[in-house]
Structure formats: C-alpha cells, structure tokens
Amino acid sequence: ISRDNAKNTVYLQMNSLKPEDTALYYCAADRFRNPRQISAITDG
C-alpha cells in the first residue's frame, strides 16, 4: 500500500496474486483511526 497525497490517491500494488484474492475490493478513509485501529474493523 502506498499513497500520493499531492494526487489525493492511495494505491494497492498486488503481486503474486492467488485465486483466493478474488473479491470486490473497497477503499475507505477515516479521520481519526490509525492503520492499526483500521486493521481491527470491517465497518464504521
């Protein structure tokens, strides 16, 4: 995962993809949570 704030864009480079990676991928932003806190939720 990386980001370019000047372009207001976040990227997810996915290599060595596996069939189990098949899914609908969503991005989400939060004003107050840090990445560790985000890793513990799937909603909100």
PDB file of all heavy atoms in Angstrom:
ATOM      1  N   ILE A   1       0.857  -1.188   0.000  1.00  0.00           N
ATOM      2  CA  ILE A   1       0.000   0.000   0.000  1.00  0.00           C
ATOM      3  C   ILE A   1       0.887   1.230   0.000  1.00  0.00           C
ATOM      4  O   ILE A   1       1.943   1.263   0.668  1.00  0.00           O
ATOM      5  CB  ILE A   1      -0.966  -0.012   1.207  1.00  0.00           C
ATOM      6  CG1 ILE A   1      -2.015   1.083   1.071  1.00  0.00           C
ATOM      7  CG2 ILE A   1      -0.211   0.081   2.527  1.00  0.00           C
ATOM      8  CD1 ILE A   1      -3.154   0.978   2.087  1.00  0.00           C
ATOM      9  N   SER A   2       0.491   2.244  -0.750  1.00  0.00           N
ATOM     10  CA  SER A   2       1.247   3.490  -0.811  1.00  0.00           C
ATOM     11  C   SER A   2       0.267   4.629  -1.089  1.00  0.00           C
ATOM     12  O   SER A   2      -0.912   4.393  -1.387  1.00  0.00           O
ATOM     13  CB  SER A   2       2.324   3.425  -1.895  1.00  0.00           C
ATOM     14  OG  SER A   2       1.740   3.251  -3.178  1.00  0.00           O
ATOM     15  N   ARG A   3       0.754   5.841  -1.008  1.00  0.00           N
ATOM     16  CA  ARG A   3      -0.119   6.978  -1.278  1.00  0.00           C
ATOM     17  C   ARG A   3       0.668   8.139  -1.835  1.00  0.00           C
ATOM     18  O   ARG A   3       1.873   8.293  -1.572  1.00  0.00           O
ATOM     19  CB  ARG A   3      -0.882   7.374  -0.017  1.00  0.00           C
ATOM     20  CG  ARG A   3      -0.048   7.989   1.086  1.00  0.00           C
ATOM     21  CD  ARG A   3      -0.885   8.117   2.369  1.00  0.00           C
ATOM     22  NE  ARG A   3      -2.053   8.972   2.167  1.00  0.00           N
ATOM     23  CZ  ARG A   3      -3.112   8.991   2.967  1.00  0.00           C
ATOM     24  NH1 ARG A   3      -3.169   8.166   4.021  1.00  0.00           N
ATOM     25  NH2 ARG A   3      -4.124   9.816   2.736  1.00  0.00           N
ATOM     26  N   ASP A   4      -0.041   8.971  -2.597  1.00  0.00           N
ATOM     27  CA  ASP A   4       0.492  10.213  -3.132  1.00  0.00           C
ATOM     28  C   ASP A   4      -0.512  11.296  -2.747  1.00  0.00           C
ATOM     29  O   ASP A   4      -1.532  11.469  -3.430  1.00  0.00           O
ATOM     30  CB  ASP A   4       0.664  10.113  -4.649  1.00  0.00           C
ATOM     31  CG  ASP A   4       1.320  11.342  -5.248  1.00  0.00           C
ATOM     32  OD1 ASP A   4       1.302  12.414  -4.606  1.00  0.00           O
ATOM     33  OD2 ASP A   4       1.828  11.237  -6.362  1.00  0.00           O
ATOM     34  N   ASN A   5      -0.255  11.998  -1.677  1.00  0.00           N
ATOM     35  CA  ASN A   5      -1.214  12.980  -1.186  1.00  0.00           C
ATOM     36  C   ASN A   5      -1.373  14.156  -2.152  1.00  0.00           C
ATOM     37  O   ASN A   5      -2.429  14.786  -2.186  1.00  0.00           O
ATOM     38  CB  ASN A   5      -0.811  13.469   0.200  1.00  0.00           C
ATOM     39  CG  ASN A   5      -1.034  12.408   1.268  1.00  0.00           C
ATOM     40  OD1 ASN A   5      -1.886  11.530   1.128  1.00  0.00           O
ATOM     41  ND2 ASN A   5      -0.266  12.476   2.331  1.00  0.00           N
ATOM     42  N   ALA A   6      -0.353  14.453  -2.916  1.00  0.00           N
ATOM     43  CA  ALA A   6      -0.461  15.523  -3.908  1.00  0.00           C
ATOM     44  C   ALA A   6      -1.494  15.162  -4.983  1.00  0.00           C
ATOM     45  O   ALA A   6      -2.115  16.044  -5.574  1.00  0.00           O
ATOM     46  CB  ALA A   6       0.889  15.791  -4.546  1.00  0.00           C
ATOM     47  N   LYS A   7      -1.658  13.863  -5.221  1.00  0.00           N
ATOM     48  CA  LYS A   7      -2.639  13.398  -6.211  1.00  0.00           C
ATOM     49  C   LYS A   7      -3.912  12.892  -5.551  1.00  0.00           C
ATOM     50  O   LYS A   7      -4.808  12.384  -6.233  1.00  0.00           O
ATOM     51  CB  LYS A   7      -2.028  12.284  -7.061  1.00  0.00           C
ATOM     52  CG  LYS A   7      -0.868  12.737  -7.927  1.00  0.00           C
ATOM     53  CD  LYS A   7      -0.350  11.595  -8.791  1.00  0.00           C
ATOM     54  CE  LYS A   7       0.785  12.076  -9.689  1.00  0.00           C
ATOM     55  NZ  LYS A   7       1.317  10.990 -10.547  1.00  0.00           N
ATOM     56  N   ASN A   8      -3.965  12.998  -4.226  1.00  0.00           N
ATOM     57  CA  ASN A   8      -5.150  12.526  -3.486  1.00  0.00           C
ATOM     58  C   ASN A   8      -5.489  11.081  -3.833  1.00  0.00           C
ATOM     59  O   ASN A   8      -6.661  10.727  -4.012  1.00  0.00           O
ATOM     60  CB  ASN A   8      -6.359  13.421  -3.763  1.00  0.00           C
ATOM     61  CG  ASN A   8      -6.149  14.829  -3.289  1.00  0.00           C
ATOM     62  OD1 ASN A   8      -5.682  15.060  -2.175  1.00  0.00           O
ATOM     63  ND2 ASN A   8      -6.437  15.790  -4.153  1.00  0.00           N
ATOM     64  N   THR A   9      -4.480  10.266  -3.910  1.00  0.00           N
ATOM     65  CA  THR A   9      -4.664   8.895  -4.347  1.00  0.00           C
ATOM     66  C   THR A   9      -3.878   7.931  -3.467  1.00  0.00           C
ATOM     67  O   THR A   9      -2.736   8.211  -3.092  1.00  0.00           O
ATOM     68  CB  THR A   9      -4.235   8.722  -5.817  1.00  0.00           C
ATOM     69  OG1 THR A   9      -4.964   9.634  -6.627  1.00  0.00           O
ATOM     70  CG2 THR A   9      -4.521   7.299  -6.300  1.00  0.00           C
ATOM     71  N   VAL A  10      -4.512   6.819  -3.161  1.00  0.00           N
ATOM     72  CA  VAL A  10      -3.868   5.718  -2.446  1.00  0.00           C
ATOM     73  C   VAL A  10      -3.854   4.516  -3.377  1.00  0.00           C
ATOM     74  O   VAL A  10      -4.813   4.276  -4.104  1.00  0.00           O
ATOM     75  CB  VAL A  10      -4.616   5.398  -1.145  1.00  0.00           C
ATOM     76  CG1 VAL A  10      -4.072   4.132  -0.496  1.00  0.00           C
ATOM     77  CG2 VAL A  10      -4.514   6.567  -0.169  1.00  0.00           C
ATOM     78  N   TYR A  11      -2.757   3.763  -3.346  1.00  0.00           N
ATOM     79  CA  TYR A  11      -2.582   2.627  -4.248  1.00  0.00           C
ATOM     80  C   TYR A  11      -2.464   1.325  -3.462  1.00  0.00           C
ATOM     81  O   TYR A  11      -2.019   1.313  -2.315  1.00  0.00           O
ATOM     82  CB  TYR A  11      -1.321   2.817  -5.094  1.00  0.00           C
ATOM     83  CG  TYR A  11      -1.288   4.109  -5.853  1.00  0.00           C
ATOM     84  CD1 TYR A  11      -0.596   5.215  -5.359  1.00  0.00           C
ATOM     85  CD2 TYR A  11      -1.960   4.237  -7.068  1.00  0.00           C
ATOM     86  CE1 TYR A  11      -0.558   6.410  -6.044  1.00  0.00           C
ATOM     87  CE2 TYR A  11      -1.932   5.438  -7.769  1.00  0.00           C
ATOM     88  CZ  TYR A  11      -1.228   6.516  -7.251  1.00  0.00           C
ATOM     89  OH  TYR A  11      -1.211   7.703  -7.934  1.00  0.00           O
ATOM     90  N   LEU A  12      -2.832   0.254  -4.123  1.00  0.00           N
ATOM     91  CA  LEU A  12      -2.587  -1.080  -3.590  1.00  0.00           C
ATOM     92  C   LEU A  12      -1.974  -1.904  -4.717  1.00  0.00           C
ATOM     93  O   LEU A  12      -2.667  -2.293  -5.658  1.00  0.00           O
ATOM     94  CB  LEU A  12      -3.870  -1.736  -3.083  1.00  0.00           C
ATOM     95  CG  LEU A  12      -3.665  -3.091  -2.395  1.00  0.00           C
ATOM     96  CD1 LEU A  12      -2.909  -2.901  -1.071  1.00  0.00           C
ATOM     97  CD2 LEU A  12      -5.001  -3.782  -2.132  1.00  0.00           C
ATOM     98  N   GLN A  13      -0.674  -2.114  -4.643  1.00  0.00           N
ATOM     99  CA  GLN A  13       0.032  -2.942  -5.618  1.00  0.00           C
ATOM    100  C   GLN A  13      -0.085  -4.392  -5.175  1.00  0.00           C
ATOM    101  O   GLN A  13       0.339  -4.740  -4.068  1.00  0.00           O
ATOM    102  CB  GLN A  13       1.501  -2.539  -5.713  1.00  0.00           C
ATOM    103  CG  GLN A  13       2.317  -3.391  -6.661  1.00  0.00           C
ATOM    104  CD  GLN A  13       1.904  -3.221  -8.105  1.00  0.00           C
ATOM    105  OE1 GLN A  13       1.681  -2.104  -8.565  1.00  0.00           O
ATOM    106  NE2 GLN A  13       1.799  -4.336  -8.828  1.00  0.00           N
ATOM    107  N   MET A  14      -0.663  -5.209  -6.013  1.00  0.00           N
ATOM    108  CA  MET A  14      -0.906  -6.610  -5.681  1.00  0.00           C
ATOM    109  C   MET A  14      -0.099  -7.494  -6.618  1.00  0.00           C
ATOM    110  O   MET A  14      -0.333  -7.506  -7.826  1.00  0.00           O
ATOM    111  CB  MET A  14      -2.397  -6.925  -5.798  1.00  0.00           C
ATOM    112  CG  MET A  14      -3.283  -5.982  -4.988  1.00  0.00           C
ATOM    113  SD  MET A  14      -5.021  -6.474  -4.984  1.00  0.00           S
ATOM    114  CE  MET A  14      -5.412  -6.266  -6.703  1.00  0.00           C
ATOM    115  N   ASN A  15       0.857  -8.203  -6.072  1.00  0.00           N
ATOM    116  CA  ASN A  15       1.705  -9.110  -6.838  1.00  0.00           C
ATOM    117  C   ASN A  15       1.458 -10.554  -6.404  1.00  0.00           C
ATOM    118  O   ASN A  15       0.880 -10.809  -5.347  1.00  0.00           O
ATOM    119  CB  ASN A  15       3.179  -8.762  -6.622  1.00  0.00           C
ATOM    120  CG  ASN A  15       3.528  -7.374  -7.101  1.00  0.00           C
ATOM    121  OD1 ASN A  15       2.939  -6.848  -8.051  1.00  0.00           O
ATOM    122  ND2 ASN A  15       4.497  -6.757  -6.438  1.00  0.00           N
ATOM    123  N   SER A  16       1.916 -11.477  -7.215  1.00  0.00           N
ATOM    124  CA  SER A  16       1.776 -12.910  -6.911  1.00  0.00           C
ATOM    125  C   SER A  16       0.341 -13.243  -6.510  1.00  0.00           C
ATOM    126  O   SER A  16       0.086 -13.928  -5.513  1.00  0.00           O
ATOM    127  CB  SER A  16       2.734 -13.303  -5.782  1.00  0.00           C
ATOM    128  OG  SER A  16       4.079 -13.017  -6.132  1.00  0.00           O
ATOM    129  N   LEU A  17      -0.585 -12.776  -7.299  1.00  0.00           N
ATOM    130  CA  LEU A  17      -1.996 -12.956  -6.964  1.00  0.00           C
ATOM    131  C   LEU A  17      -2.389 -14.429  -6.977  1.00  0.00           C
ATOM    132  O   LEU A  17      -1.869 -15.227  -7.772  1.00  0.00           O
ATOM    133  CB  LEU A  17      -2.863 -12.162  -7.929  1.00  0.00           C
ATOM    134  CG  LEU A  17      -2.917 -10.662  -7.627  1.00  0.00           C
ATOM    135  CD1 LEU A  17      -3.392  -9.875  -8.836  1.00  0.00           C
ATOM    136  CD2 LEU A  17      -3.816 -10.393  -6.428  1.00  0.00           C
ATOM    137  N   LYS A  18      -3.306 -14.749  -6.083  1.00  0.00           N
ATOM    138  CA  LYS A  18      -3.803 -16.108  -5.934  1.00  0.00           C
ATOM    139  C   LYS A  18      -5.317 -16.113  -6.161  1.00  0.00           C
ATOM    140  O   LYS A  18      -5.979 -15.091  -5.954  1.00  0.00           O
ATOM    141  CB  LYS A  18      -3.515 -16.615  -4.524  1.00  0.00           C
ATOM    142  CG  LYS A  18      -2.049 -16.573  -4.123  1.00  0.00           C
ATOM    143  CD  LYS A  18      -1.874 -16.990  -2.676  1.00  0.00           C
ATOM    144  CE  LYS A  18      -0.415 -16.933  -2.254  1.00  0.00           C
ATOM    145  NZ  LYS A  18      -0.232 -17.331  -0.826  1.00  0.00           N
ATOM    146  N   PRO A  19      -5.882 -17.255  -6.544  1.00  0.00           N
ATOM    147  CA  PRO A  19      -7.334 -17.317  -6.719  1.00  0.00           C
ATOM    148  C   PRO A  19      -8.101 -16.868  -5.466  1.00  0.00           C
ATOM    149  O   PRO A  19      -9.174 -16.275  -5.590  1.00  0.00           O
ATOM    150  CB  PRO A  19      -7.581 -18.794  -7.027  1.00  0.00           C
ATOM    151  CG  PRO A  19      -6.323 -19.229  -7.704  1.00  0.00           C
ATOM    152  CD  PRO A  19      -5.221 -18.492  -6.984  1.00  0.00           C
ATOM    153  N   GLU A  20      -7.555 -17.121  -4.310  1.00  0.00           N
ATOM    154  CA  GLU A  20      -8.238 -16.719  -3.076  1.00  0.00           C
ATOM    155  C   GLU A  20      -8.218 -15.213  -2.842  1.00  0.00           C
ATOM    156  O   GLU A  20      -8.846 -14.724  -1.907  1.00  0.00           O
ATOM    157  CB  GLU A  20      -7.646 -17.436  -1.853  1.00  0.00           C
ATOM    158  CG  GLU A  20      -6.137 -17.359  -1.740  1.00  0.00           C
ATOM    159  CD  GLU A  20      -5.445 -18.578  -2.309  1.00  0.00           C
ATOM    160  OE1 GLU A  20      -5.839 -19.055  -3.411  1.00  0.00           O
ATOM    161  OE2 GLU A  20      -4.495 -19.058  -1.652  1.00  0.00           O
ATOM    162  N   ASP A  21      -7.511 -14.458  -3.679  1.00  0.00           N
ATOM    163  CA  ASP A  21      -7.562 -12.997  -3.617  1.00  0.00           C
ATOM    164  C   ASP A  21      -8.763 -12.437  -4.367  1.00  0.00           C
ATOM    165  O   ASP A  21      -9.022 -11.225  -4.318  1.00  0.00           O
ATOM    166  CB  ASP A  21      -6.286 -12.386  -4.206  1.00  0.00           C
ATOM    167  CG  ASP A  21      -5.045 -12.716  -3.386  1.00  0.00           C
ATOM    168  OD1 ASP A  21      -5.123 -12.660  -2.145  1.00  0.00           O
ATOM    169  OD2 ASP A  21      -4.007 -13.026  -4.008  1.00  0.00           O
ATOM    170  N   THR A  22      -9.484 -13.301  -5.069  1.00  0.00           N
ATOM    171  CA  THR A  22     -10.661 -12.862  -5.812  1.00  0.00           C
ATOM    172  C   THR A  22     -11.698 -12.275  -4.875  1.00  0.00           C
ATOM    173  O   THR A  22     -12.111 -12.909  -3.902  1.00  0.00           O
ATOM    174  CB  THR A  22     -11.275 -14.049  -6.586  1.00  0.00           C
ATOM    175  OG1 THR A  22     -10.340 -14.486  -7.578  1.00  0.00           O
ATOM    176  CG2 THR A  22     -12.584 -13.652  -7.251  1.00  0.00           C
ATOM    177  N   ALA A  23     -12.097 -11.038  -5.146  1.00  0.00           N
ATOM    178  CA  ALA A  23     -13.051 -10.346  -4.270  1.00  0.00           C
ATOM    179  C   ALA A  23     -13.369  -8.980  -4.863  1.00  0.00           C
ATOM    180  O   ALA A  23     -12.715  -8.519  -5.803  1.00  0.00           O
ATOM    181  CB  ALA A  23     -12.466 -10.172  -2.872  1.00  0.00           C
ATOM    182  N   LEU A  24     -14.360  -8.352  -4.261  1.00  0.00           N
ATOM    183  CA  LEU A  24     -14.648  -6.944  -4.530  1.00  0.00           C
ATOM    184  C   LEU A  24     -13.826  -6.138  -3.531  1.00  0.00           C
ATOM    185  O   LEU A  24     -13.954  -6.345  -2.319  1.00  0.00           O
ATOM    186  CB  LEU A  24     -16.136  -6.681  -4.368  1.00  0.00           C
ATOM    187  CG  LEU A  24     -16.680  -5.333  -4.840  1.00  0.00           C
ATOM    188  CD1 LEU A  24     -16.436  -5.147  -6.334  1.00  0.00           C
ATOM    189  CD2 LEU A  24     -18.172  -5.245  -4.540  1.00  0.00           C
ATOM    190  N   TYR A  25     -12.967  -5.272  -4.035  1.00  0.00           N
ATOM    191  CA  TYR A  25     -12.069  -4.500  -3.189  1.00  0.00           C
ATOM    192  C   TYR A  25     -12.608  -3.085  -2.999  1.00  0.00           C
ATOM    193  O   TYR A  25     -12.956  -2.409  -3.973  1.00  0.00           O
ATOM    194  CB  TYR A  25     -10.669  -4.444  -3.811  1.00  0.00           C
ATOM    195  CG  TYR A  25      -9.886  -5.719  -3.632  1.00  0.00           C
ATOM    196  CD1 TYR A  25     -10.251  -6.874  -4.321  1.00  0.00           C
ATOM    197  CD2 TYR A  25      -8.809  -5.780  -2.762  1.00  0.00           C
ATOM    198  CE1 TYR A  25      -9.548  -8.061  -4.145  1.00  0.00           C
ATOM    199  CE2 TYR A  25      -8.094  -6.963  -2.583  1.00  0.00           C
ATOM    200  CZ  TYR A  25      -8.472  -8.089  -3.277  1.00  0.00           C
ATOM    201  OH  TYR A  25      -7.765  -9.265  -3.101  1.00  0.00           O
ATOM    202  N   TYR A  26     -12.628  -2.653  -1.747  1.00  0.00           N
ATOM    203  CA  TYR A  26     -13.098  -1.329  -1.374  1.00  0.00           C
ATOM    204  C   TYR A  26     -11.983  -0.529  -0.715  1.00  0.00           C
ATOM    205  O   TYR A  26     -11.171  -1.084   0.019  1.00  0.00           O
ATOM    206  CB  TYR A  26     -14.241  -1.430  -0.348  1.00  0.00           C
ATOM    207  CG  TYR A  26     -15.464  -2.173  -0.783  1.00  0.00           C
ATOM    208  CD1 TYR A  26     -15.558  -3.554  -0.604  1.00  0.00           C
ATOM    209  CD2 TYR A  26     -16.545  -1.511  -1.358  1.00  0.00           C
ATOM    210  CE1 TYR A  26     -16.699  -4.249  -0.981  1.00  0.00           C
ATOM    211  CE2 TYR A  26     -17.689  -2.195  -1.730  1.00  0.00           C
ATOM    212  CZ  TYR A  26     -17.750  -3.561  -1.550  1.00  0.00           C
ATOM    213  OH  TYR A  26     -18.883  -4.235  -1.929  1.00  0.00           O
ATOM    214  N   CYS A  27     -11.997   0.778  -0.953  1.00  0.00           N
ATOM    215  CA  CYS A  27     -11.147   1.635  -0.156  1.00  0.00           C
ATOM    216  C   CYS A  27     -12.022   2.474   0.762  1.00  0.00           C
ATOM    217  O   CYS A  27     -13.182   2.741   0.455  1.00  0.00           O
ATOM    218  CB  CYS A  27     -10.256   2.517  -1.014  1.00  0.00           C
ATOM    219  SG  CYS A  27     -11.104   3.689  -2.094  1.00  0.00           S
ATOM    220  N   ALA A  28     -11.459   2.856   1.873  1.00  0.00           N
ATOM    221  CA  ALA A  28     -12.190   3.636   2.868  1.00  0.00           C
ATOM    222  C   ALA A  28     -11.218   4.543   3.601  1.00  0.00           C
ATOM    223  O   ALA A  28     -10.047   4.197   3.762  1.00  0.00           O
ATOM    224  CB  ALA A  28     -12.899   2.713   3.854  1.00  0.00           C
ATOM    225  N   ALA A  29     -11.701   5.687   4.038  1.00  0.00           N
ATOM    226  CA  ALA A  29     -10.864   6.659   4.728  1.00  0.00           C
ATOM    227  C   ALA A  29     -11.477   7.006   6.078  1.00  0.00           C
ATOM    228  O   ALA A  29     -12.705   6.956   6.239  1.00  0.00           O
ATOM    229  CB  ALA A  29     -10.694   7.912   3.885  1.00  0.00           C
ATOM    230  N   ASP A  30     -10.619   7.372   7.005  1.00  0.00           N
ATOM    231  CA  ASP A  30     -11.106   7.699   8.344  1.00  0.00           C
ATOM    232  C   ASP A  30     -10.321   8.875   8.906  1.00  0.00           C
ATOM    233  O   ASP A  30      -9.106   8.948   8.767  1.00  0.00           O
ATOM    234  CB  ASP A  30     -10.961   6.485   9.275  1.00  0.00           C
ATOM    235  CG  ASP A  30     -11.848   6.617  10.497  1.00  0.00           C
ATOM    236  OD1 ASP A  30     -11.404   7.260  11.470  1.00  0.00           O
ATOM    237  OD2 ASP A  30     -12.972   6.105  10.475  1.00  0.00           O
ATOM    238  N   ARG A  31     -11.053   9.774   9.572  1.00  0.00           N
ATOM    239  CA  ARG A  31     -10.426  10.984  10.090  1.00  0.00           C
ATOM    240  C   ARG A  31      -9.642  10.748  11.375  1.00  0.00           C
ATOM    241  O   ARG A  31      -8.727  11.520  11.687  1.00  0.00           O
ATOM    242  CB  ARG A  31     -11.499  12.044  10.360  1.00  0.00           C
ATOM    243  CG  ARG A  31     -12.173  12.577   9.101  1.00  0.00           C
ATOM    244  CD  ARG A  31     -13.381  13.410   9.449  1.00  0.00           C
ATOM    245  NE  ARG A  31     -14.420  12.597  10.063  1.00  0.00           N
ATOM    246  CZ  ARG A  31     -15.513  13.099  10.622  1.00  0.00           C
ATOM    247  NH1 ARG A  31     -15.684  14.407  10.682  1.00  0.00           N
ATOM    248  NH2 ARG A  31     -16.431  12.290  11.133  1.00  0.00           N
ATOM    249  N   PHE A  32      -9.995   9.707  12.103  1.00  0.00           N
ATOM    250  CA  PHE A  32      -9.429   9.582  13.443  1.00  0.00           C
ATOM    251  C   PHE A  32      -8.672   8.283  13.713  1.00  0.00           C
ATOM    252  O   PHE A  32      -7.801   8.247  14.569  1.00  0.00           O
ATOM    253  CB  PHE A  32     -10.547   9.729  14.483  1.00  0.00           C
ATOM    254  CG  PHE A  32     -11.312  11.012  14.347  1.00  0.00           C
ATOM    255  CD1 PHE A  32     -12.647  11.001  13.971  1.00  0.00           C
ATOM    256  CD2 PHE A  32     -10.704  12.227  14.556  1.00  0.00           C
ATOM    257  CE1 PHE A  32     -13.358  12.182  13.826  1.00  0.00           C
ATOM    258  CE2 PHE A  32     -11.403  13.422  14.422  1.00  0.00           C
ATOM    259  CZ  PHE A  32     -12.727  13.400  14.050  1.00  0.00           C
ATOM    260  N   ARG A  33      -9.004   7.219  12.988  1.00  0.00           N
ATOM    261  CA  ARG A  33      -8.349   5.934  13.257  1.00  0.00           C
ATOM    262  C   ARG A  33      -6.971   5.875  12.613  1.00  0.00           C
ATOM    263  O   ARG A  33      -6.752   6.417  11.540  1.00  0.00           O
ATOM    264  CB  ARG A  33      -9.213   4.778  12.747  1.00  0.00           C
ATOM    265  CG  ARG A  33     -10.507   4.573  13.525  1.00  0.00           C
ATOM    266  CD  ARG A  33     -11.254   3.358  13.006  1.00  0.00           C
ATOM    267  NE  ARG A  33     -12.437   3.059  13.808  1.00  0.00           N
ATOM    268  CZ  ARG A  33     -13.650   3.476  13.489  1.00  0.00           C
ATOM    269  NH1 ARG A  33     -13.845   4.214  12.427  1.00  0.00           N
ATOM    270  NH2 ARG A  33     -14.673   3.136  14.261  1.00  0.00           N
ATOM    271  N   ASN A  34      -6.053   5.179  13.259  1.00  0.00           N
ATOM    272  CA  ASN A  34      -4.751   4.926  12.669  1.00  0.00           C
ATOM    273  C   ASN A  34      -4.779   3.555  11.983  1.00  0.00           C
ATOM    274  O   ASN A  34      -5.752   2.799  12.134  1.00  0.00           O
ATOM    275  CB  ASN A  34      -3.650   5.012  13.733  1.00  0.00           C
ATOM    276  CG  ASN A  34      -3.799   3.984  14.844  1.00  0.00           C
ATOM    277  OD1 ASN A  34      -4.115   2.821  14.590  1.00  0.00           O
ATOM    278  ND2 ASN A  34      -3.565   4.391  16.075  1.00  0.00           N
ATOM    279  N   PRO A  35      -3.754   3.211  11.217  1.00  0.00           N
ATOM    280  CA  PRO A  35      -3.792   1.936  10.481  1.00  0.00           C
ATOM    281  C   PRO A  35      -4.000   0.718  11.372  1.00  0.00           C
ATOM    282  O   PRO A  35      -4.702  -0.224  10.992  1.00  0.00           O
ATOM    283  CB  PRO A  35      -2.424   1.906   9.792  1.00  0.00           C
ATOM    284  CG  PRO A  35      -2.127   3.350   9.536  1.00  0.00           C
ATOM    285  CD  PRO A  35      -2.631   4.047  10.769  1.00  0.00           C
ATOM    286  N   ARG A  36      -3.414   0.695  12.533  1.00  0.00           N
ATOM    287  CA  ARG A  36      -3.589  -0.455  13.418  1.00  0.00           C
ATOM    288  C   ARG A  36      -5.054  -0.569  13.856  1.00  0.00           C
ATOM    289  O   ARG A  36      -5.615  -1.682  13.886  1.00  0.00           O
ATOM    290  CB  ARG A  36      -2.685  -0.323  14.635  1.00  0.00           C
ATOM    291  CG  ARG A  36      -2.773  -1.484  15.611  1.00  0.00           C
ATOM    292  CD  ARG A  36      -2.361  -2.786  14.977  1.00  0.00           C
ATOM    293  NE  ARG A  36      -0.973  -2.738  14.488  1.00  0.00           N
ATOM    294  CZ  ARG A  36      -0.401  -3.690  13.774  1.00  0.00           C
ATOM    295  NH1 ARG A  36      -1.085  -4.763  13.427  1.00  0.00           N
ATOM    296  NH2 ARG A  36       0.851  -3.575  13.390  1.00  0.00           N
ATOM    297  N   GLN A  37      -5.672   0.535  14.163  1.00  0.00           N
ATOM    298  CA  GLN A  37      -7.092   0.521  14.530  1.00  0.00           C
ATOM    299  C   GLN A  37      -7.961   0.129  13.346  1.00  0.00           C
ATOM    300  O   GLN A  37      -8.949  -0.590  13.501  1.00  0.00           O
ATOM    301  CB  GLN A  37      -7.492   1.902  15.069  1.00  0.00           C
ATOM    302  CG  GLN A  37      -6.845   2.242  16.403  1.00  0.00           C
ATOM    303  CD  GLN A  37      -7.027   3.697  16.781  1.00  0.00           C
ATOM    304  OE1 GLN A  37      -7.086   4.589  15.933  1.00  0.00           O
ATOM    305  NE2 GLN A  37      -7.103   3.955  18.081  1.00  0.00           N
ATOM    306  N   ILE A  38      -7.614   0.580  12.163  1.00  0.00           N
ATOM    307  CA  ILE A  38      -8.372   0.218  10.965  1.00  0.00           C
ATOM    308  C   ILE A  38      -8.294  -1.277  10.718  1.00  0.00           C
ATOM    309  O   ILE A  38      -9.267  -1.892  10.269  1.00  0.00           O
ATOM    310  CB  ILE A  38      -7.852   1.011   9.748  1.00  0.00           C
ATOM    311  CG1 ILE A  38      -8.205   2.502   9.904  1.00  0.00           C
ATOM    312  CG2 ILE A  38      -8.425   0.464   8.451  1.00  0.00           C
ATOM    313  CD1 ILE A  38      -7.575   3.398   8.858  1.00  0.00           C
ATOM    314  N   SER A  39      -7.153  -1.870  11.003  1.00  0.00           N
ATOM    315  CA  SER A  39      -6.987  -3.303  10.761  1.00  0.00           C
ATOM    316  C   SER A  39      -7.914  -4.155  11.616  1.00  0.00           C
ATOM    317  O   SER A  39      -8.114  -5.338  11.318  1.00  0.00           O
ATOM    318  CB  SER A  39      -5.534  -3.719  11.016  1.00  0.00           C
ATOM    319  OG  SER A  39      -5.232  -3.715  12.404  1.00  0.00           O
ATOM    320  N   ALA A  40      -8.472  -3.576  12.658  1.00  0.00           N
ATOM    321  CA  ALA A  40      -9.314  -4.337  13.580  1.00  0.00           C
ATOM    322  C   ALA A  40     -10.800  -4.229  13.264  1.00  0.00           C
ATOM    323  O   ALA A  40     -11.622  -4.822  13.967  1.00  0.00           O
ATOM    324  CB  ALA A  40      -9.065  -3.865  15.005  1.00  0.00           C
ATOM    325  N   ILE A  41     -11.149  -3.496  12.214  1.00  0.00           N
ATOM    326  CA  ILE A  41     -12.572  -3.307  11.890  1.00  0.00           C
ATOM    327  C   ILE A  41     -12.851  -3.664  10.445  1.00  0.00           C
ATOM    328  O   ILE A  41     -11.950  -3.776   9.629  1.00  0.00           O
ATOM    329  CB  ILE A  41     -13.021  -1.853  12.156  1.00  0.00           C
ATOM    330  CG1 ILE A  41     -12.270  -0.888  11.233  1.00  0.00           C
ATOM    331  CG2 ILE A  41     -12.805  -1.476  13.619  1.00  0.00           C
ATOM    332  CD1 ILE A  41     -12.786   0.539  11.295  1.00  0.00           C
ATOM    333  N   THR A  42     -14.123  -3.859  10.143  1.00  0.00           N
ATOM    334  CA  THR A  42     -14.553  -4.061   8.757  1.00  0.00           C
ATOM    335  C   THR A  42     -15.699  -3.136   8.404  1.00  0.00           C
ATOM    336  O   THR A  42     -16.245  -3.218   7.320  1.00  0.00           O
ATOM    337  CB  THR A  42     -14.993  -5.513   8.526  1.00  0.00           C
ATOM    338  OG1 THR A  42     -16.036  -5.842   9.458  1.00  0.00           O
ATOM    339  CG2 THR A  42     -13.819  -6.477   8.701  1.00  0.00           C
ATOM    340  N   ASP A  43     -16.045  -2.264   9.324  1.00  0.00           N
ATOM    341  CA  ASP A  43     -17.124  -1.309   9.104  1.00  0.00           C
ATOM    342  C   ASP A  43     -16.850  -0.079   9.971  1.00  0.00           C
ATOM    343  O   ASP A  43     -15.951  -0.093  10.809  1.00  0.00           O
ATOM    344  CB  ASP A  43     -18.466  -1.932   9.474  1.00  0.00           C
ATOM    345  CG  ASP A  43     -19.623  -1.267   8.753  1.00  0.00           C
ATOM    346  OD1 ASP A  43     -19.397  -0.192   8.134  1.00  0.00           O
ATOM    347  OD2 ASP A  43     -20.738  -1.793   8.794  1.00  0.00           O
ATOM    348  N   GLY A  44     -17.635   0.981   9.740  1.00  0.00           N
ATOM    349  CA  GLY A  44     -17.531   2.142  10.609  1.00  0.00           C
ATOM    350  C   GLY A  44     -16.541   3.188  10.179  1.00  0.00           C
ATOM    351  O   GLY A  44     -16.387   4.205  10.853  1.00  0.00           O
TER     352      GLY A  44
END
